[in-house]
C-alpha atoms as a PDB file:
ATOM      1  CA  MET A   1     122.627  82.035  72.914  1.00  0.00           C
ATOM      2  CA  ALA A   2     121.659  78.385  73.023  1.00  0.00           C
ATOM      3  CA  ILE A   3     122.476  76.257  76.071  1.00  0.00           C
ATOM      4  CA  LYS A   4     125.815  74.490  75.652  1.00  0.00           C
ATOM      5  CA  ASN A   5     127.656  71.707  77.446  1.00  0.00           C
ATOM      6  CA  LYS A   6     131.330  71.765  78.509  1.00  0.00           C
ATOM      7  CA  GLU A   7     132.431  70.631  75.053  1.00  0.00           C
ATOM      8  CA  GLY A   8     130.631  73.546  73.435  1.00  0.00           C
ATOM      9  CA  HIS A   9     127.921  71.374  71.899  1.00  0.00           C
ATOM     10  CA  TRP A  10     124.463  72.912  71.645  1.00  0.00           C
ATOM     11  CA  ILE A  11     121.700  71.299  73.700  1.00  0.00           C
ATOM     12  CA  ASP A  12     118.461  70.827  71.772  1.00  0.00           C
ATOM     13  CA  ALA A  13     114.883  70.678  73.104  1.00  0.00           C
ATOM     14  CA  ALA A  14     115.157  66.931  73.753  1.00  0.00           C
ATOM     15  CA  GLY A  15     118.361  67.376  75.788  1.00  0.00           C
ATOM     16  CA  ASN A  16     120.646  66.038  73.080  1.00  0.00           C
ATOM     17  CA  ALA A  17     124.136  67.526  72.685  1.00  0.00           C
ATOM     18  CA  ILE A  18     124.655  68.548  69.042  1.00  0.00           C
ATOM     19  CA  PRO A  19     128.124  69.517  67.773  1.00  0.00           C
ATOM     20  CA  VAL A  20     128.114  73.013  66.303  1.00  0.00           C
ATOM     21  CA  LYS A  21     129.245  71.777  62.859  1.00  0.00           C
ATOM     22  CA  TYR A  22     125.954  69.887  62.508  1.00  0.00           C
ATOM     23  CA  ILE A  23     123.744  72.868  63.319  1.00  0.00           C
ATOM     24  CA  LYS A  24     122.258  74.585  60.274  1.00  0.00           C
ATOM     25  CA  LYS A  25     122.863  78.253  59.617  1.00  0.00           C
ATOM     26  CA  TYR A  26     119.095  78.818  59.786  1.00  0.00           C
ATOM     27  CA  ASP A  27     118.959  77.457  63.353  1.00  0.00           C
ATOM     28  CA  LYS A  28     122.005  79.465  64.415  1.00  0.00           C
ATOM     29  CA  THR A  29     120.532  82.687  63.044  1.00  0.00           C
ATOM     30  CA  LEU A  30     117.105  81.991  64.561  1.00  0.00           C
ATOM     31  CA  ASP A  31     118.660  81.258  67.954  1.00  0.00           C
ATOM     32  CA  LYS A  32     120.617  84.529  67.809  1.00  0.00           C
ATOM     33  CA  VAL A  33     117.506  86.583  66.935  1.00  0.00           C
ATOM     34  CA  VAL A  34     115.272  84.963  69.565  1.00  0.00           C
ATOM     35  CA  THR A  35     117.758  85.028  72.440  1.00  0.00           C
ATOM     36  CA  GLY A  36     118.867  88.571  71.587  1.00  0.00           C
ATOM     37  CA  LEU A  37     115.320  89.911  71.613  1.00  0.00           C
ATOM     38  CA  ALA A  38     114.496  87.997  74.789  1.00  0.00           C
ATOM     39  CA  GLU A  39     117.451  89.584  76.564  1.00  0.00           C
ATOM     40  CA  LYS A  40     116.316  93.057  75.492  1.00  0.00           C
ATOM     41  CA  ALA A  41     112.824  92.185  76.727  1.00  0.00           C
ATOM     42  CA  ARG A  42     114.216  91.167  80.137  1.00  0.00           C
ATOM     43  CA  ARG A  43     116.106  94.451  80.430  1.00  0.00           C
ATOM     44  CA  THR A  44     113.015  96.428  79.398  1.00  0.00           C
ATOM     45  CA  SER A  45     110.876  94.516  81.888  1.00  0.00           C
ATOM     46  CA  ALA A  46     113.342  95.309  84.665  1.00  0.00           C
ATOM     47  CA  ALA A  47     113.340  98.989  83.653  1.00  0.00           C
ATOM     48  CA  ILE A  48     109.524  99.136  83.769  1.00  0.00           C
ATOM     49  CA  ALA A  49     109.524  97.449  87.197  1.00  0.00           C
ATOM     50  CA  SER A  50     112.067 100.024  88.390  1.00  0.00           C
ATOM     51  CA  LEU A  51     109.935 102.875  86.985  1.00  0.00           C
ATOM     52  CA  LYS A  52     106.842 101.522  88.739  1.00  0.00           C
ATOM     53  CA  LYS A  53     108.606 101.305  92.085  1.00  0.00           C
ATOM     54  CA  GLN A  54     110.099 104.780  91.715  1.00  0.00           C
ATOM     55  CA  ALA A  55     106.707 106.217  90.726  1.00  0.00           C
ATOM     56  CA  PHE A  56     104.964 104.767  93.783  1.00  0.00           C
ATOM     57  CA  ASP A  57     107.802 105.840  96.079  1.00  0.00           C
ATOM     58  CA  ASP A  58     107.868 109.405  94.711  1.00  0.00           C
ATOM     59  CA  ILE A  59     104.088 109.790  94.879  1.00  0.00           C
ATOM     60  CA  GLU A  60     103.982 108.377  98.407  1.00  0.00           C
ATOM     61  CA  LYS A  61     106.651 110.892  99.490  1.00  0.00           C
ATOM     62  CA  PHE A  62     104.827 113.755  97.777  1.00  0.00           C
ATOM     63  CA  ILE A  63     101.555 112.919  99.545  1.00  0.00           C
ATOM     64  CA  SER A  64     103.281 112.515 102.912  1.00  0.00           C
ATOM     65  CA  ASP A  65     105.022 115.880 102.500  1.00  0.00           C
ATOM     66  CA  ALA A  66     101.754 117.531 101.425  1.00  0.00           C
ATOM     67  CA  GLU A  67      99.972 116.147 104.482  1.00  0.00           C
ATOM     68  CA  LYS A  68     102.657 117.654 106.701  1.00  0.00           C
ATOM     69  CA  ILE A  69     102.368 121.034 104.974  1.00  0.00           C
ATOM     70  CA  TYR A  70      98.610 121.137 105.591  1.00  0.00           C
ATOM     71  CA  GLY A  71      98.790 119.607 109.049  1.00  0.00           C
ATOM     72  CA  MET A  72      96.822 116.529 108.097  1.00  0.00           C
ATOM     73  CA  THR A  73      96.434 113.894 110.779  1.00  0.00           C
ATOM     74  CA  VAL A  74      94.211 111.549 108.754  1.00  0.00           C
ATOM     75  CA  ARG A  75      95.954 109.344 106.189  1.00  0.00           C
ATOM     76  CA  THR A  76      94.954 110.229 102.629  1.00  0.00           C
ATOM     77  CA  ALA A  77      97.359 108.047 100.650  1.00  0.00           C
ATOM     78  CA  GLU A  78      95.048 105.063 100.139  1.00  0.00           C
ATOM     79  CA  GLY A  79      92.690 104.609  97.197  1.00  0.00           C
ATOM     80  CA  ASN A  80      92.498 106.034  93.670  1.00  0.00           C
ATOM     81  CA  LYS A  81      94.401 109.190  92.812  1.00  0.00           C
ATOM     82  CA  VAL A  82      94.971 111.512  89.864  1.00  0.00           C
ATOM     83  CA  LEU A  83      97.963 113.849  89.784  1.00  0.00           C
ATOM     84  CA  THR A  84      98.607 116.394  87.018  1.00  0.00           C
ATOM     85  CA  ASN A  85     101.401 118.773  86.162  1.00  0.00           C
ATOM     86  CA  PHE A  86     100.955 122.551  86.434  1.00  0.00           C
ATOM     87  CA  SER A  87      99.925 122.949  82.784  1.00  0.00           C
ATOM     88  CA  ASN A  88      97.507 120.000  82.972  1.00  0.00           C
ATOM     89  CA  THR A  89      99.193 118.290  80.036  1.00  0.00           C
ATOM     90  CA  ILE A  90     100.540 115.250  81.900  1.00  0.00           C
ATOM     91  CA  LYS A  91      98.510 113.068  84.215  1.00  0.00           C
ATOM     92  CA  ILE A  92      99.363 110.143  86.465  1.00  0.00           C
ATOM     93  CA  GLU A  93      96.467 107.936  87.471  1.00  0.00           C
ATOM     94  CA  ILE A  94      96.640 105.412  90.293  1.00  0.00           C
ATOM     95  CA  LYS A  95      93.773 102.970  90.475  1.00  0.00           C
ATOM     96  CA  VAL A  96      93.203 100.431  93.226  1.00  0.00           C
ATOM     97  CA  ASN A  97      91.028  97.498  92.191  1.00  0.00           C
ATOM     98  CA  LYS A  98      89.547  95.097  94.690  1.00  0.00           C
ATOM     99  CA  ILE A  99      90.154  91.405  94.063  1.00  0.00           C
ATOM    100  CA  ILE A 100      86.962  89.525  94.813  1.00  0.00           C
ATOM    101  CA  ASP A 101      86.015  85.912  95.255  1.00  0.00           C
ATOM    102  CA  PHE A 102      82.814  84.105  96.204  1.00  0.00           C
ATOM    103  CA  ASP A 103      81.980  81.816  99.112  1.00  0.00           C
ATOM    104  CA  ASN A 104      79.659  78.794  99.124  1.00  0.00           C
ATOM    105  CA  ARG A 105      76.546  80.970  98.856  1.00  0.00           C
ATOM    106  CA  LEU A 106      77.339  81.394  95.159  1.00  0.00           C
ATOM    107  CA  GLN A 107      76.566  77.711  94.613  1.00  0.00           C
ATOM    108  CA  MET A 108      73.343  78.164  96.569  1.00  0.00           C
ATOM    109  CA  ALA A 109      72.431  80.998  94.210  1.00  0.00           C
ATOM    110  CA  LYS A 110      73.269  78.818  91.216  1.00  0.00           C
ATOM    111  CA  GLY A 111      70.933  76.123  92.551  1.00  0.00           C
ATOM    112  CA  ILE A 112      68.060  78.586  92.836  1.00  0.00           C
ATOM    113  CA  ILE A 113      68.732  79.947  89.337  1.00  0.00           C
ATOM    114  CA  ASP A 114      68.705  76.406  87.917  1.00  0.00           C
ATOM    115  CA  VAL A 115      65.318  75.793  89.536  1.00  0.00           C
ATOM    116  CA  CYS A 116      64.054  79.081  88.103  1.00  0.00           C
ATOM    117  CA  LEU A 117      65.116  78.132  84.575  1.00  0.00           C
ATOM    118  CA  LYS A 118      63.446  74.725  84.860  1.00  0.00           C
ATOM    119  CA  THR A 119      60.274  76.246  86.307  1.00  0.00           C
ATOM    120  CA  TRP A 120      60.038  78.824  83.552  1.00  0.00           C
ATOM    121  CA  GLY A 121      60.325  76.029  80.995  1.00  0.00           C
ATOM    122  CA  GLU A 122      60.387  76.509  77.257  1.00  0.00           C
ATOM    123  CA  GLY A 123      58.539  79.776  77.472  1.00  0.00           C
ATOM    124  CA  SER A 124      61.493  81.468  79.149  1.00  0.00           C
ATOM    125  CA  ASP A 125      63.927  83.677  77.303  1.00  0.00           C
ATOM    126  CA  ASP A 126      66.722  81.581  75.772  1.00  0.00           C
ATOM    127  CA  LYS A 127      69.001  84.605  76.043  1.00  0.00           C
ATOM    128  CA  ILE A 128      68.712  84.489  79.838  1.00  0.00           C
ATOM    129  CA  LYS A 129      69.678  80.808  79.835  1.00  0.00           C
ATOM    130  CA  LEU A 130      72.686  81.563  77.636  1.00  0.00           C
ATOM    131  CA  ILE A 131      73.801  84.423  79.895  1.00  0.00           C
ATOM    132  CA  VAL A 132      73.488  82.218  82.973  1.00  0.00           C
ATOM    133  CA  ASP A 133      75.379  79.349  81.331  1.00  0.00           C
ATOM    134  CA  ARG A 134      78.202  81.678  80.331  1.00  0.00           C
ATOM    135  CA  ALA A 135      78.285  83.322  83.759  1.00  0.00           C
ATOM    136  CA  PHE A 136      78.870  80.020  85.544  1.00  0.00           C
ATOM    137  CA  ALA A 137      81.180  78.493  82.940  1.00  0.00           C
ATOM    138  CA  VAL A 138      84.754  77.978  84.127  1.00  0.00           C
ATOM    139  CA  ASP A 139      87.870  78.736  82.110  1.00  0.00           C
ATOM    140  CA  ASN A 140      90.701  76.278  81.424  1.00  0.00           C
ATOM    141  CA  LYS A 141      92.076  77.008  84.895  1.00  0.00           C
ATOM    142  CA  GLY A 142      88.778  76.106  86.548  1.00  0.00           C
ATOM    143  CA  LYS A 143      87.982  79.707  87.455  1.00  0.00           C
ATOM    144  CA  LEU A 144      84.699  81.564  87.082  1.00  0.00           C
ATOM    145  CA  ASP A 145      84.319  84.865  85.230  1.00  0.00           C
ATOM    146  CA  ARG A 146      83.539  87.172  88.139  1.00  0.00           C
ATOM    147  CA  ASP A 147      82.310  90.035  85.954  1.00  0.00           C
ATOM    148  CA  ARG A 148      79.743  87.838  84.202  1.00  0.00           C
ATOM    149  CA  ILE A 149      78.433  86.577  87.528  1.00  0.00           C
ATOM    150  CA  LEU A 150      78.096  90.112  88.887  1.00  0.00           C
ATOM    151  CA  ASP A 151      76.379  91.200  85.668  1.00  0.00           C
ATOM    152  CA  LEU A 152      73.522  88.785  86.436  1.00  0.00           C
ATOM    153  CA  ARG A 153      72.380  91.286  89.065  1.00  0.00           C
ATOM    154  CA  ASN A 154      71.586  93.763  86.291  1.00  0.00           C
ATOM    155  CA  ILE A 155      68.969  91.499  84.706  1.00  0.00           C
ATOM    156  CA  ASP A 156      65.575  92.899  85.656  1.00  0.00           C
ATOM    157  CA  ILE A 157      63.576  89.806  86.656  1.00  0.00           C
ATOM    158  CA  LYS A 158      60.793  90.282  89.183  1.00  0.00           C
ATOM    159  CA  GLU A 159      60.374  86.688  90.441  1.00  0.00           C
ATOM    160  CA  PRO A 160      61.132  86.370  94.185  1.00  0.00           C
ATOM    161  CA  GLU A 161      63.337  83.328  93.580  1.00  0.00           C
ATOM    162  CA  TRP A 162      65.543  85.245  91.156  1.00  0.00           C
ATOM    163  CA  LYS A 163      65.805  88.150  93.588  1.00  0.00           C
ATOM    164  CA  GLN A 164      66.757  85.689  96.332  1.00  0.00           C
ATOM    165  CA  ALA A 165      69.502  84.277  94.119  1.00  0.00           C
ATOM    166  CA  MET A 166      70.836  87.768  93.389  1.00  0.00           C
ATOM    167  CA  HIS A 167      70.810  88.520  97.114  1.00  0.00           C
ATOM    168  CA  LEU A 168      72.860  85.380  97.725  1.00  0.00           C
ATOM    169  CA  ILE A 169      75.354  86.449  95.055  1.00  0.00           C
ATOM    170  CA  ASN A 170      75.750  89.789  96.829  1.00  0.00           C
ATOM    171  CA  GLU A 171      76.185  88.029 100.161  1.00  0.00           C
ATOM    172  CA  SER A 172      78.758  85.613  98.719  1.00  0.00           C
ATOM    173  CA  ILE A 173      81.183  88.333  97.598  1.00  0.00           C
ATOM    174  CA  ARG A 174      84.445  88.396  99.556  1.00  0.00           C
ATOM    175  CA  ILE A 175      87.292  90.905  99.176  1.00  0.00           C
ATOM    176  CA  VAL A 176      90.483  88.830  99.118  1.00  0.00           C
ATOM    177  CA  GLY A 177      92.969  91.539  98.203  1.00  0.00           C
ATOM    178  CA  THR A 178      93.721  94.587  96.080  1.00  0.00           C
ATOM    179  CA  ARG A 179      95.728  95.249  92.946  1.00  0.00           C
ATOM    180  CA  THR A 180      97.151  98.698  92.235  1.00  0.00           C
ATOM    181  CA  TYR A 181      97.664 100.021  88.706  1.00  0.00           C
ATOM    182  CA  ILE A 182      99.470 103.129  87.531  1.00  0.00           C
ATOM    183  CA  ARG A 183      98.950 104.822  84.168  1.00  0.00           C
ATOM    184  CA  PHE A 184     100.674 107.788  82.609  1.00  0.00           C
ATOM    185  CA  TRP A 185      98.726 110.105  80.307  1.00  0.00           C
ATOM    186  CA  GLU A 186      99.618 113.055  78.104  1.00  0.00           C
ATOM    187  CA  LYS A 187      97.295 115.547  76.478  1.00  0.00           C
ATOM    188  CA  LYS A 188      97.209 115.637  72.685  1.00  0.00           C
ATOM    189  CA  GLY A 189      95.058 118.580  71.678  1.00  0.00           C
ATOM    190  CA  ASN A 190      91.932 118.269  73.827  1.00  0.00           C
ATOM    191  CA  ASP A 191      92.233 114.526  74.337  1.00  0.00           C
ATOM    192  CA  TRP A 192      94.119 112.476  76.880  1.00  0.00           C
ATOM    193  CA  GLU A 193      96.190 109.607  75.477  1.00  0.00           C
ATOM    194  CA  VAL A 194      97.783 106.933  77.624  1.00  0.00           C
ATOM    195  CA  ILE A 195     101.546 106.496  77.388  1.00  0.00           C
ATOM    196  CA  PRO A 196     101.723 102.771  76.549  1.00  0.00           C
ATOM    197  CA  LEU A 197     104.005 100.679  78.720  1.00  0.00           C
ATOM    198  CA  ASP A 198     102.768  97.297  77.579  1.00  0.00           C
ATOM    199  CA  ILE A 199     104.268  95.845  74.428  1.00  0.00           C
ATOM    200  CA  ALA A 200     100.870  95.379  72.765  1.00  0.00           C
ATOM    201  CA  GLY A 201      99.949  99.037  73.240  1.00  0.00           C
ATOM    202  CA  CYS A 202     103.174 100.577  71.964  1.00  0.00           C
END
């Protein structure tokens, strides 16, 4: 429900205390729908977080127990994994993605690329210029699109300067962390379909 003060008046977006008798039925109904759904969303979010933790804990225990059974002394729990049930109709996929960033050598590479584009002049491919511009464009948070920058390495340009720039991009890559994802799949006929746990995919 809406935020209220000690007198029971509803507090609006501007911080004003509005007596209930002056609040329209439309606003009361809308507040009830929105706050009710938001509360259900919070409970669902907590349930998904609990499922994720339980899944990782159970899988970790399974792998540890399996290592003991087979006398393993080398840790095998890190990295991507796929686990299936006996009938191969349910699959759990764990994927570990590296979080990357770039050091100052990326700007050095950008400088070389800019020189290349100027040197090539009007005879160069406008598509290459567009790809480069998009690769180094920042979003509204001031961040670069890492995938677009890495995709520049797939452009087959023979000039030594371009190759030097691509080498600098490779050298500038730094692993700053990892992010682990878990997905649940079930087989429908001959195809695997993900069990959606995000609200957009349900």
